[in-house]
Amino acid sequence: QNMDSTLHYIHNDSDLSTNSSFSPEEERKSKVQDVVPQALLDQYLSMTDPSRAQTVDTEIAKHCAYSLPGVALTLGRQNWHCLKDTYETLASDMQWKVRRTLAFSIHELAVILGDQLTAGDLVPVFNGFLKDLDEVRIGVLKHLHDFLKLLHVDKRREYLYQLQEFLVTDNSRNWRFRAELAEQLILLLDLYSARDIYDYLRPIAFTLCADKISSVRWISYKLVSEMVKKLYMASTSTLVVDLMNELVEQFCRCHKWSGRQTFVFICQ
């Protein structure tokens, strides 16, 4: 708070749209802080230069991505403007290992930056990771609950429409992806209303209950049972009745023994 005014630079909404019009001198000032020696930060930021990564060390960008949450924590959220461009550069790196590293830590970075910066700077990157390769998507999937719980309720609801996309993977044999989805959905039940659970999470849960892999099905049985509890505790009792009726129709009266067995396991 007591930084020299010439060293102090904070992005506001207008800065986000006019960032590209900065002169080199203004650009340099925007990355100045007094938490660590400036030369040390400049050295770190320069490591993400694509030409440097190609000629010096192809792994250097991955190491930078791995260290970035620690650097952000050290500098503090008031100095996020020093790292914002570097983070976006790494998030669009051509190497999927670099993007994967950021995907696994984006929820930690969100805690460091707080609500406003997360909504403005991290959500677009998060959305990009959701459409990336499975190796990158698994990073955001494993910490989906951790990230979504930090968002505003309205923003969080927007992701209900995208949860279905996690059922589709580059390799259908990637059953661990679906198992992780079921685990995350159990946690997500606390973040959404009974109506949202019934409308959006229920169809995914029923699909997972019929998965070809037993490990996925076992987790899904727990998911459905937790869903029944959640809807039962809600004020609108009709939803839990509808859910139970669907369980009876789809599994209890199934012409396949495996479907009837699924009903028994859910009841158990």
Foldseek 3Di string as FASTA:
>chain_A
DPDDPQLADADDPVCVVCVVVDDPVRLVSLQGDDLDPSVVLVVLLVQLPVVCCVPPPVCSLQVSLLCVLVVCLSRALSNCSNCLVVNVSQLPDPDVSSVQSNLLCLLVSCVRNAAPCCVVRVVVSNVVQCPDAPSNNLSCLLCVLSRLVRYDLVVSLVCLVVLVVQCDHPDNPPVVSLQSSLVVLLSCLVSDALVSCLPRVVVSLVVQCPDPDVSSNLSSLVSLLSNLVRQCPDPPVVSSVVSVVVLCVQQCPDPDVSSVVSSVSSVD
